[in-house]
Amino acid sequence: MKQVAVLRAGAALAAAAAVLAACSAMIPVRISGSLEQPIATFGLDPAKPEKACLGGIAVHERSNAMMRPVWSIEARGRNCRGLRQVVYGQTPEGFETTVEPTPLQPGVRYAVVGYGLTGGPLSRVPWRGGGEEVLFEHGRWRPVTAQERSPLVDEVGEARH
């Protein structure tokens, strides 16, 4: 009887671990700064950025159906690094550039996506953040509206290629 109880407890623990492993967290990624050097910060309040254990971050151009990367970095050795912000084109210590930065353009839609781990040493949970489209207009970064995200349509009503 004792062995059955131990086996059940072990199975329950394994099931709980599998459920926790499937969990992930979302951390907001905010964009501010200039067109030449936008700054990505992490957390809900842009005035008080949180330290995120960052595994990588990528900036994608989203002006057409493709998601072309225009800059990307990853932590060396698959170990995330604690950062409060990342400046476009500047590779932080402990990271390597996987896509060299290209100059950003005003009025072009971009998406910034970060990932890493949250929690303490015993409860590491993967996180992803960002992905919302932004563009630089009138001297600042702003979110792209739903109307701006709709497919580009020409005068005849057909999607442009």
N, C-alpha and C. Protein backbone atom coordinates (compact mmCIF):
# COMPACT_ATOMS: atom_id res chain seq x y z
N MET A 1 0.81 -1.20 0.00
CA MET A 1 0.00 0.00 0.00
C MET A 1 0.85 1.26 0.00
N LYS A 2 1.94 1.21 0.78
CA LYS A 2 2.80 2.38 0.86
C LYS A 2 3.43 2.69 -0.51
N GLN A 3 3.81 1.62 -1.24
CA GLN A 3 4.42 1.82 -2.55
C GLN A 3 3.43 2.47 -3.52
N VAL A 4 2.18 2.05 -3.46
CA VAL A 4 1.16 2.63 -4.33
C VAL A 4 1.00 4.12 -4.03
N ALA A 5 0.98 4.48 -2.75
CA ALA A 5 0.85 5.89 -2.36
C ALA A 5 2.05 6.70 -2.85
N VAL A 6 3.24 6.12 -2.73
CA VAL A 6 4.45 6.80 -3.20
C VAL A 6 4.41 6.98 -4.72
N LEU A 7 3.97 5.94 -5.43
CA LEU A 7 3.87 6.02 -6.89
C LEU A 7 2.84 7.08 -7.30
N ARG A 8 1.71 7.12 -6.60
CA ARG A 8 0.69 8.13 -6.91
C ARG A 8 1.22 9.54 -6.65
N ALA A 9 1.92 9.71 -5.54
CA ALA A 9 2.49 11.02 -5.22
C ALA A 9 3.51 11.41 -6.28
N GLY A 10 4.33 10.46 -6.71
CA GLY A 10 5.31 10.74 -7.76
C GLY A 10 4.65 11.11 -9.07
N ALA A 11 3.58 10.39 -9.42
CA ALA A 11 2.85 10.69 -10.66
C ALA A 11 2.21 12.07 -10.58
N ALA A 12 1.65 12.41 -9.42
CA ALA A 12 1.03 13.73 -9.25
C ALA A 12 2.08 14.83 -9.37
N LEU A 13 3.26 14.60 -8.78
CA LEU A 13 4.34 15.58 -8.86
C LEU A 13 4.81 15.75 -10.30
N ALA A 14 4.94 14.64 -11.03
CA ALA A 14 5.35 14.70 -12.43
C ALA A 14 4.32 15.44 -13.27
N ALA A 15 3.04 15.20 -13.01
CA ALA A 15 1.97 15.89 -13.74
C ALA A 15 2.00 17.38 -13.45
N ALA A 16 2.21 17.74 -12.19
CA ALA A 16 2.28 19.16 -11.82
C ALA A 16 3.47 19.82 -12.49
N ALA A 17 4.60 19.13 -12.54
CA ALA A 17 5.79 19.68 -13.20
C ALA A 17 5.53 19.90 -14.69
N ALA A 18 4.83 18.96 -15.32
CA ALA A 18 4.52 19.09 -16.75
C ALA A 18 3.61 20.29 -16.99
N VAL A 19 2.63 20.48 -16.11
CA VAL A 19 1.72 21.62 -16.25
C VAL A 19 2.49 22.92 -16.08
N LEU A 20 3.36 23.00 -15.07
CA LEU A 20 4.14 24.21 -14.85
C LEU A 20 5.09 24.47 -16.00
N ALA A 21 5.66 23.43 -16.57
CA ALA A 21 6.59 23.59 -17.69
C ALA A 21 5.87 24.16 -18.91
N ALA A 22 4.59 23.86 -19.04
CA ALA A 22 3.83 24.36 -20.18
C ALA A 22 3.43 25.82 -20.00
N CYS A 23 3.56 26.34 -18.80
CA CYS A 23 3.18 27.73 -18.52
C CYS A 23 4.22 28.67 -19.11
N SER A 24 3.78 29.86 -19.43
CA SER A 24 4.70 30.91 -19.80
C SER A 24 4.10 32.23 -19.36
N ALA A 25 4.94 33.23 -19.26
CA ALA A 25 4.50 34.54 -18.79
C ALA A 25 4.64 35.55 -19.92
N MET A 26 3.92 36.65 -19.79
CA MET A 26 4.04 37.75 -20.75
C MET A 26 4.61 38.96 -20.01
N ILE A 27 5.61 39.58 -20.58
CA ILE A 27 6.18 40.80 -20.04
C ILE A 27 6.06 41.86 -21.13
N PRO A 28 5.38 42.98 -20.85
CA PRO A 28 5.26 44.02 -21.87
C PRO A 28 6.63 44.59 -22.25
N VAL A 29 6.80 44.88 -23.54
CA VAL A 29 8.00 45.54 -24.06
C VAL A 29 7.54 46.89 -24.61
N ARG A 30 8.07 47.97 -24.06
CA ARG A 30 7.69 49.33 -24.45
C ARG A 30 8.82 49.95 -25.27
N ILE A 31 8.45 50.77 -26.26
CA ILE A 31 9.42 51.42 -27.12
C ILE A 31 9.34 52.93 -26.94
N SER A 32 10.50 53.57 -26.78
CA SER A 32 10.57 55.03 -26.65
C SER A 32 11.90 55.47 -27.27
N GLY A 33 12.20 56.76 -27.15
CA GLY A 33 13.47 57.26 -27.65
C GLY A 33 13.38 57.77 -29.08
N SER A 34 14.55 57.95 -29.68
CA SER A 34 14.63 58.53 -31.02
C SER A 34 14.48 57.47 -32.10
N LEU A 35 14.36 57.92 -33.34
CA LEU A 35 14.30 57.00 -34.48
C LEU A 35 15.63 56.27 -34.64
N GLU A 36 16.73 56.99 -34.40
CA GLU A 36 18.06 56.40 -34.57
C GLU A 36 18.41 55.42 -33.46
N GLN A 37 17.94 55.67 -32.25
CA GLN A 37 18.26 54.81 -31.12
C GLN A 37 17.05 54.58 -30.22
N PRO A 38 16.05 53.86 -30.73
CA PRO A 38 14.91 53.56 -29.85
C PRO A 38 15.35 52.68 -28.69
N ILE A 39 14.61 52.79 -27.60
CA ILE A 39 14.92 52.04 -26.38
C ILE A 39 13.76 51.13 -26.05
N ALA A 40 14.05 49.85 -25.87
CA ALA A 40 13.05 48.87 -25.42
C ALA A 40 13.19 48.72 -23.92
N THR A 41 12.09 48.92 -23.19
CA THR A 41 12.06 48.69 -21.74
C THR A 41 11.04 47.61 -21.45
N PHE A 42 11.14 47.02 -20.27
CA PHE A 42 10.31 45.87 -19.91
C PHE A 42 9.43 46.21 -18.72
N GLY A 43 8.17 45.76 -18.74
CA GLY A 43 7.25 45.95 -17.63
C GLY A 43 6.06 46.81 -18.00
N LEU A 44 5.14 46.94 -17.05
CA LEU A 44 3.89 47.67 -17.29
C LEU A 44 4.06 49.18 -17.30
N ASP A 45 4.97 49.70 -16.46
CA ASP A 45 5.13 51.14 -16.31
C ASP A 45 6.42 51.59 -17.00
N PRO A 46 6.32 52.31 -18.13
CA PRO A 46 7.52 52.76 -18.83
C PRO A 46 8.41 53.65 -17.96
N ALA A 47 7.82 54.35 -16.97
CA ALA A 47 8.60 55.21 -16.09
C ALA A 47 9.41 54.41 -15.08
N LYS A 48 9.02 53.16 -14.83
CA LYS A 48 9.73 52.30 -13.88
C LYS A 48 9.98 50.94 -14.53
N PRO A 49 10.96 50.87 -15.46
CA PRO A 49 11.20 49.60 -16.14
C PRO A 49 11.62 48.51 -15.16
N GLU A 50 11.15 47.30 -15.43
CA GLU A 50 11.50 46.14 -14.62
C GLU A 50 12.75 45.48 -15.19
N LYS A 51 13.49 44.82 -14.33
CA LYS A 51 14.63 44.04 -14.79
C LYS A 51 14.09 42.72 -15.31
N ALA A 52 14.38 42.41 -16.57
CA ALA A 52 13.93 41.16 -17.18
C ALA A 52 15.14 40.30 -17.48
N CYS A 53 15.01 39.00 -17.26
CA CYS A 53 16.07 38.07 -17.63
C CYS A 53 15.89 37.80 -19.12
N LEU A 54 16.64 38.54 -19.93
CA LEU A 54 16.46 38.54 -21.38
C LEU A 54 17.32 37.47 -22.05
N GLY A 55 16.67 36.64 -22.86
CA GLY A 55 17.39 35.64 -23.65
C GLY A 55 17.67 36.15 -25.05
N GLY A 56 16.81 37.06 -25.52
CA GLY A 56 17.00 37.63 -26.85
C GLY A 56 15.92 38.63 -27.16
N ILE A 57 16.19 39.45 -28.16
CA ILE A 57 15.21 40.43 -28.61
C ILE A 57 15.42 40.64 -30.10
N ALA A 58 14.33 40.84 -30.82
CA ALA A 58 14.40 41.05 -32.26
C ALA A 58 13.46 42.17 -32.66
N VAL A 59 13.87 42.94 -33.65
CA VAL A 59 13.04 43.99 -34.23
C VAL A 59 12.74 43.55 -35.66
N HIS A 60 11.45 43.53 -36.01
CA HIS A 60 11.01 43.10 -37.33
C HIS A 60 10.29 44.24 -38.03
N GLU A 61 10.55 44.41 -39.33
CA GLU A 61 9.78 45.35 -40.14
C GLU A 61 8.48 44.66 -40.50
N ARG A 62 7.35 45.35 -40.30
CA ARG A 62 6.03 44.75 -40.52
C ARG A 62 5.23 45.51 -41.56
N SER A 63 5.88 46.15 -42.50
CA SER A 63 5.14 46.99 -43.44
C SER A 63 4.48 46.22 -44.56
N ASN A 64 4.75 44.93 -44.67
CA ASN A 64 4.06 44.11 -45.65
C ASN A 64 3.75 42.77 -44.98
N ALA A 65 3.36 41.78 -45.73
CA ALA A 65 2.97 40.49 -45.14
C ALA A 65 4.15 39.77 -44.49
N MET A 66 5.36 40.10 -44.89
CA MET A 66 6.55 39.44 -44.33
C MET A 66 6.94 40.13 -43.02
N MET A 67 7.64 39.41 -42.18
CA MET A 67 8.17 39.97 -40.94
C MET A 67 9.69 39.95 -41.06
N ARG A 68 10.25 40.93 -41.76
CA ARG A 68 11.69 40.95 -42.01
C ARG A 68 12.44 41.44 -40.78
N PRO A 69 13.39 40.63 -40.25
CA PRO A 69 14.16 41.11 -39.10
C PRO A 69 15.12 42.22 -39.53
N VAL A 70 15.16 43.29 -38.73
CA VAL A 70 16.09 44.39 -39.01
C VAL A 70 17.17 44.50 -37.94
N TRP A 71 17.01 43.75 -36.85
CA TRP A 71 18.05 43.65 -35.82
C TRP A 71 17.66 42.55 -34.85
N SER A 72 18.64 41.78 -34.41
CA SER A 72 18.35 40.70 -33.47
C SER A 72 19.60 40.39 -32.65
N ILE A 73 19.39 40.14 -31.35
CA ILE A 73 20.48 39.71 -30.48
C ILE A 73 20.02 38.52 -29.65
N GLU A 74 20.98 37.70 -29.21
CA GLU A 74 20.70 36.56 -28.34
C GLU A 74 21.77 36.49 -27.26
N ALA A 75 21.37 36.03 -26.08
CA ALA A 75 22.32 35.84 -24.99
C ALA A 75 23.28 34.71 -25.34
N ARG A 76 24.56 34.90 -25.04
CA ARG A 76 25.55 33.85 -25.28
C ARG A 76 25.34 32.71 -24.31
N GLY A 77 25.56 31.50 -24.77
CA GLY A 77 25.51 30.34 -23.88
C GLY A 77 24.11 29.98 -23.43
N ARG A 78 23.10 30.49 -24.09
CA ARG A 78 21.70 30.19 -23.76
C ARG A 78 21.33 30.61 -22.34
N ASN A 79 22.09 31.52 -21.75
CA ASN A 79 21.79 32.03 -20.40
C ASN A 79 21.21 33.43 -20.53
N CYS A 80 20.02 33.63 -19.96
CA CYS A 80 19.44 34.97 -20.03
C CYS A 80 20.23 35.91 -19.12
N ARG A 81 20.15 37.20 -19.42
CA ARG A 81 20.86 38.23 -18.66
C ARG A 81 19.85 39.27 -18.17
N GLY A 82 20.00 39.74 -16.94
CA GLY A 82 19.09 40.71 -16.36
C GLY A 82 19.33 42.11 -16.91
N LEU A 83 18.33 42.67 -17.61
CA LEU A 83 18.42 44.01 -18.18
C LEU A 83 17.12 44.76 -17.96
N ARG A 84 17.22 46.08 -17.80
CA ARG A 84 16.04 46.93 -17.70
C ARG A 84 15.68 47.54 -19.05
N GLN A 85 16.67 47.66 -19.93
CA GLN A 85 16.43 48.24 -21.24
C GLN A 85 17.47 47.76 -22.24
N VAL A 86 17.11 47.89 -23.52
CA VAL A 86 18.02 47.58 -24.62
C VAL A 86 17.88 48.71 -25.63
N VAL A 87 19.02 49.24 -26.08
CA VAL A 87 19.04 50.31 -27.08
C VAL A 87 19.27 49.67 -28.45
N TYR A 88 18.45 50.05 -29.41
CA TYR A 88 18.54 49.50 -30.78
C TYR A 88 19.96 49.66 -31.33
N GLY A 89 20.49 48.56 -31.84
CA GLY A 89 21.81 48.58 -32.47
C GLY A 89 22.97 48.42 -31.51
N GLN A 90 22.72 48.47 -30.20
CA GLN A 90 23.78 48.32 -29.20
C GLN A 90 23.65 46.95 -28.55
N THR A 91 24.63 46.10 -28.76
CA THR A 91 24.58 44.74 -28.23
C THR A 91 25.10 44.75 -26.79
N PRO A 92 24.25 44.43 -25.81
CA PRO A 92 24.70 44.44 -24.41
C PRO A 92 25.76 43.36 -24.16
N GLU A 93 26.53 43.57 -23.11
CA GLU A 93 27.53 42.58 -22.71
C GLU A 93 26.85 41.24 -22.45
N GLY A 94 27.46 40.16 -22.93
CA GLY A 94 26.90 38.83 -22.74
C GLY A 94 25.96 38.41 -23.86
N PHE A 95 25.78 39.27 -24.86
CA PHE A 95 24.90 38.98 -26.00
C PHE A 95 25.72 38.98 -27.28
N GLU A 96 25.16 38.37 -28.31
CA GLU A 96 25.77 38.44 -29.64
C GLU A 96 24.70 38.87 -30.64
N THR A 97 25.15 39.61 -31.65
CA THR A 97 24.25 40.08 -32.69
C THR A 97 24.01 38.95 -33.68
N THR A 98 22.75 38.62 -33.94
CA THR A 98 22.42 37.58 -34.91
C THR A 98 21.93 38.18 -36.23
N VAL A 99 21.42 39.41 -36.19
CA VAL A 99 21.08 40.17 -37.39
C VAL A 99 21.60 41.58 -37.16
N GLU A 100 22.49 42.04 -38.03
CA GLU A 100 23.06 43.39 -37.90
C GLU A 100 21.97 44.44 -38.06
N PRO A 101 22.05 45.56 -37.30
CA PRO A 101 21.00 46.58 -37.38
C PRO A 101 21.01 47.33 -38.71
N THR A 102 19.82 47.63 -39.21
CA THR A 102 19.68 48.48 -40.38
C THR A 102 18.97 49.76 -39.93
N PRO A 103 19.21 50.88 -40.62
CA PRO A 103 18.56 52.13 -40.20
C PRO A 103 17.03 52.01 -40.25
N LEU A 104 16.38 52.51 -39.21
CA LEU A 104 14.92 52.51 -39.14
C LEU A 104 14.38 53.73 -39.88
N GLN A 105 13.17 53.61 -40.39
CA GLN A 105 12.56 54.67 -41.20
C GLN A 105 11.29 55.18 -40.53
N PRO A 106 11.03 56.49 -40.60
CA PRO A 106 9.76 57.00 -40.06
C PRO A 106 8.59 56.48 -40.89
N GLY A 107 7.46 56.25 -40.23
CA GLY A 107 6.25 55.80 -40.90
C GLY A 107 6.22 54.33 -41.26
N VAL A 108 7.27 53.60 -40.92
CA VAL A 108 7.33 52.15 -41.20
C VAL A 108 6.93 51.41 -39.94
N ARG A 109 6.13 50.35 -40.08
CA ARG A 109 5.68 49.57 -38.93
C ARG A 109 6.77 48.58 -38.51
N TYR A 110 7.00 48.51 -37.20
CA TYR A 110 7.97 47.58 -36.63
C TYR A 110 7.32 46.83 -35.46
N ALA A 111 7.78 45.61 -35.23
CA ALA A 111 7.37 44.84 -34.05
C ALA A 111 8.63 44.43 -33.31
N VAL A 112 8.63 44.61 -32.00
CA VAL A 112 9.76 44.23 -31.16
C VAL A 112 9.31 43.08 -30.28
N VAL A 113 10.06 41.98 -30.32
CA VAL A 113 9.70 40.78 -29.56
C VAL A 113 10.89 40.36 -28.71
N GLY A 114 10.65 40.18 -27.41
CA GLY A 114 11.69 39.71 -26.50
C GLY A 114 11.27 38.40 -25.86
N TYR A 115 12.25 37.68 -25.32
CA TYR A 115 11.95 36.44 -24.61
C TYR A 115 13.04 36.20 -23.57
N GLY A 116 12.73 35.34 -22.61
CA GLY A 116 13.70 35.00 -21.57
C GLY A 116 13.06 34.11 -20.53
N LEU A 117 13.49 34.27 -19.28
CA LEU A 117 12.98 33.48 -18.16
C LEU A 117 12.57 34.39 -17.02
N THR A 118 11.55 33.98 -16.27
CA THR A 118 11.13 34.72 -15.08
C THR A 118 11.33 33.84 -13.86
N GLY A 119 11.13 34.40 -12.69
CA GLY A 119 11.16 33.62 -11.46
C GLY A 119 12.55 33.46 -10.89
N GLY A 120 12.62 32.67 -9.81
CA GLY A 120 13.87 32.43 -9.13
C GLY A 120 14.57 31.20 -9.66
N PRO A 121 15.66 30.80 -9.00
CA PRO A 121 16.45 29.67 -9.49
C PRO A 121 15.70 28.35 -9.49
N LEU A 122 14.67 28.19 -8.66
CA LEU A 122 13.94 26.93 -8.61
C LEU A 122 12.65 26.94 -9.43
N SER A 123 12.23 28.11 -9.89
CA SER A 123 10.96 28.17 -10.62
C SER A 123 11.09 29.04 -11.87
N ARG A 124 11.96 28.66 -12.76
CA ARG A 124 12.17 29.42 -13.99
C ARG A 124 11.04 29.14 -14.98
N VAL A 125 10.34 30.18 -15.40
CA VAL A 125 9.24 30.06 -16.35
C VAL A 125 9.59 30.92 -17.57
N PRO A 126 9.44 30.39 -18.78
CA PRO A 126 9.73 31.20 -19.97
C PRO A 126 8.76 32.37 -20.10
N TRP A 127 9.25 33.48 -20.63
CA TRP A 127 8.38 34.60 -20.93
C TRP A 127 8.61 35.06 -22.36
N ARG A 128 7.58 35.68 -22.91
CA ARG A 128 7.65 36.35 -24.21
C ARG A 128 6.99 37.71 -24.02
N GLY A 129 7.41 38.66 -24.80
CA GLY A 129 6.80 39.97 -24.69
C GLY A 129 6.94 40.76 -25.96
N GLY A 130 6.10 41.77 -26.07
CA GLY A 130 6.14 42.62 -27.25
C GLY A 130 5.30 42.05 -28.37
N GLY A 131 5.68 42.37 -29.57
CA GLY A 131 4.95 41.91 -30.74
C GLY A 131 3.96 42.93 -31.27
N GLU A 132 3.59 43.90 -30.42
CA GLU A 132 2.67 44.94 -30.87
C GLU A 132 3.41 45.82 -31.87
N GLU A 133 2.72 46.24 -32.90
CA GLU A 133 3.35 47.06 -33.92
C GLU A 133 3.43 48.52 -33.46
N VAL A 134 4.57 49.14 -33.79
CA VAL A 134 4.80 50.55 -33.48
C VAL A 134 5.36 51.22 -34.73
N LEU A 135 5.23 52.55 -34.78
CA LEU A 135 5.90 53.31 -35.84
C LEU A 135 6.33 54.65 -35.29
N PHE A 136 7.32 55.25 -35.95
CA PHE A 136 7.85 56.54 -35.53
C PHE A 136 7.21 57.61 -36.39
N GLU A 137 6.53 58.55 -35.72
CA GLU A 137 5.80 59.59 -36.44
C GLU A 137 5.79 60.85 -35.58
N HIS A 138 6.02 62.00 -36.21
CA HIS A 138 5.99 63.29 -35.51
C HIS A 138 6.93 63.30 -34.30
N GLY A 139 8.10 62.70 -34.45
CA GLY A 139 9.13 62.76 -33.41
C GLY A 139 8.97 61.79 -32.26
N ARG A 140 8.05 60.81 -32.39
CA ARG A 140 7.91 59.85 -31.28
C ARG A 140 7.40 58.50 -31.80
N TRP A 141 7.58 57.48 -30.97
CA TRP A 141 7.06 56.14 -31.27
C TRP A 141 5.63 56.06 -30.77
N ARG A 142 4.77 55.42 -31.55
CA ARG A 142 3.38 55.24 -31.14
C ARG A 142 2.89 53.87 -31.62
N PRO A 143 1.85 53.33 -30.93
CA PRO A 143 1.27 52.06 -31.38
C PRO A 143 0.58 52.22 -32.73
N VAL A 144 0.59 51.18 -33.52
CA VAL A 144 -0.11 51.15 -34.80
C VAL A 144 -1.57 50.82 -34.52
N THR A 145 -2.48 51.55 -35.16
CA THR A 145 -3.91 51.31 -34.96
C THR A 145 -4.36 50.07 -35.74
N ALA A 146 -5.52 49.53 -35.38
CA ALA A 146 -6.07 48.37 -36.08
C ALA A 146 -6.30 48.69 -37.55
N GLN A 147 -6.75 49.89 -37.84
CA GLN A 147 -6.98 50.30 -39.23
C GLN A 147 -5.67 50.31 -40.02
N GLU A 148 -4.59 50.76 -39.40
CA GLU A 148 -3.29 50.79 -40.07
C GLU A 148 -2.73 49.39 -40.29
N ARG A 149 -3.14 48.43 -39.46
CA ARG A 149 -2.66 47.06 -39.60
C ARG A 149 -3.36 46.30 -40.71
N SER A 150 -4.51 46.79 -41.17
CA SER A 150 -5.25 46.07 -42.22
C SER A 150 -4.41 46.07 -43.50
N PRO A 151 -4.65 45.09 -44.38
CA PRO A 151 -3.85 44.99 -45.61
C PRO A 151 -3.94 46.26 -46.43
N LEU A 152 -2.83 46.59 -47.07
CA LEU A 152 -2.81 47.75 -47.95
C LEU A 152 -3.66 47.44 -49.18
N VAL A 153 -4.54 48.36 -49.52
CA VAL A 153 -5.45 48.15 -50.65
C VAL A 153 -5.28 49.30 -51.63
N ASP A 154 -5.25 48.98 -52.93
CA ASP A 154 -5.09 50.03 -53.93
C ASP A 154 -6.46 50.62 -54.31
N GLU A 155 -6.46 51.53 -55.28
CA GLU A 155 -7.68 52.23 -55.66
C GLU A 155 -8.76 51.29 -56.20
N VAL A 156 -8.36 50.14 -56.78
CA VAL A 156 -9.30 49.20 -57.37
C VAL A 156 -9.85 48.24 -56.31
N GLY A 157 -9.28 48.27 -55.12
CA GLY A 157 -9.76 47.40 -54.05
C GLY A 157 -9.01 46.09 -53.93
N GLU A 158 -7.87 45.97 -54.62
CA GLU A 158 -7.07 44.75 -54.52
C GLU A 158 -5.87 45.01 -53.61
N ALA A 159 -5.49 43.97 -52.89
CA ALA A 159 -4.33 44.09 -52.00
C ALA A 159 -3.07 44.30 -52.82
N ARG A 160 -2.25 45.24 -52.37
CA ARG A 160 -0.97 45.50 -53.04
C ARG A 160 0.02 44.40 -52.71
N HIS A 161 0.96 44.18 -53.63
CA HIS A 161 1.98 43.14 -53.42
C HIS A 161 3.31 43.77 -53.17
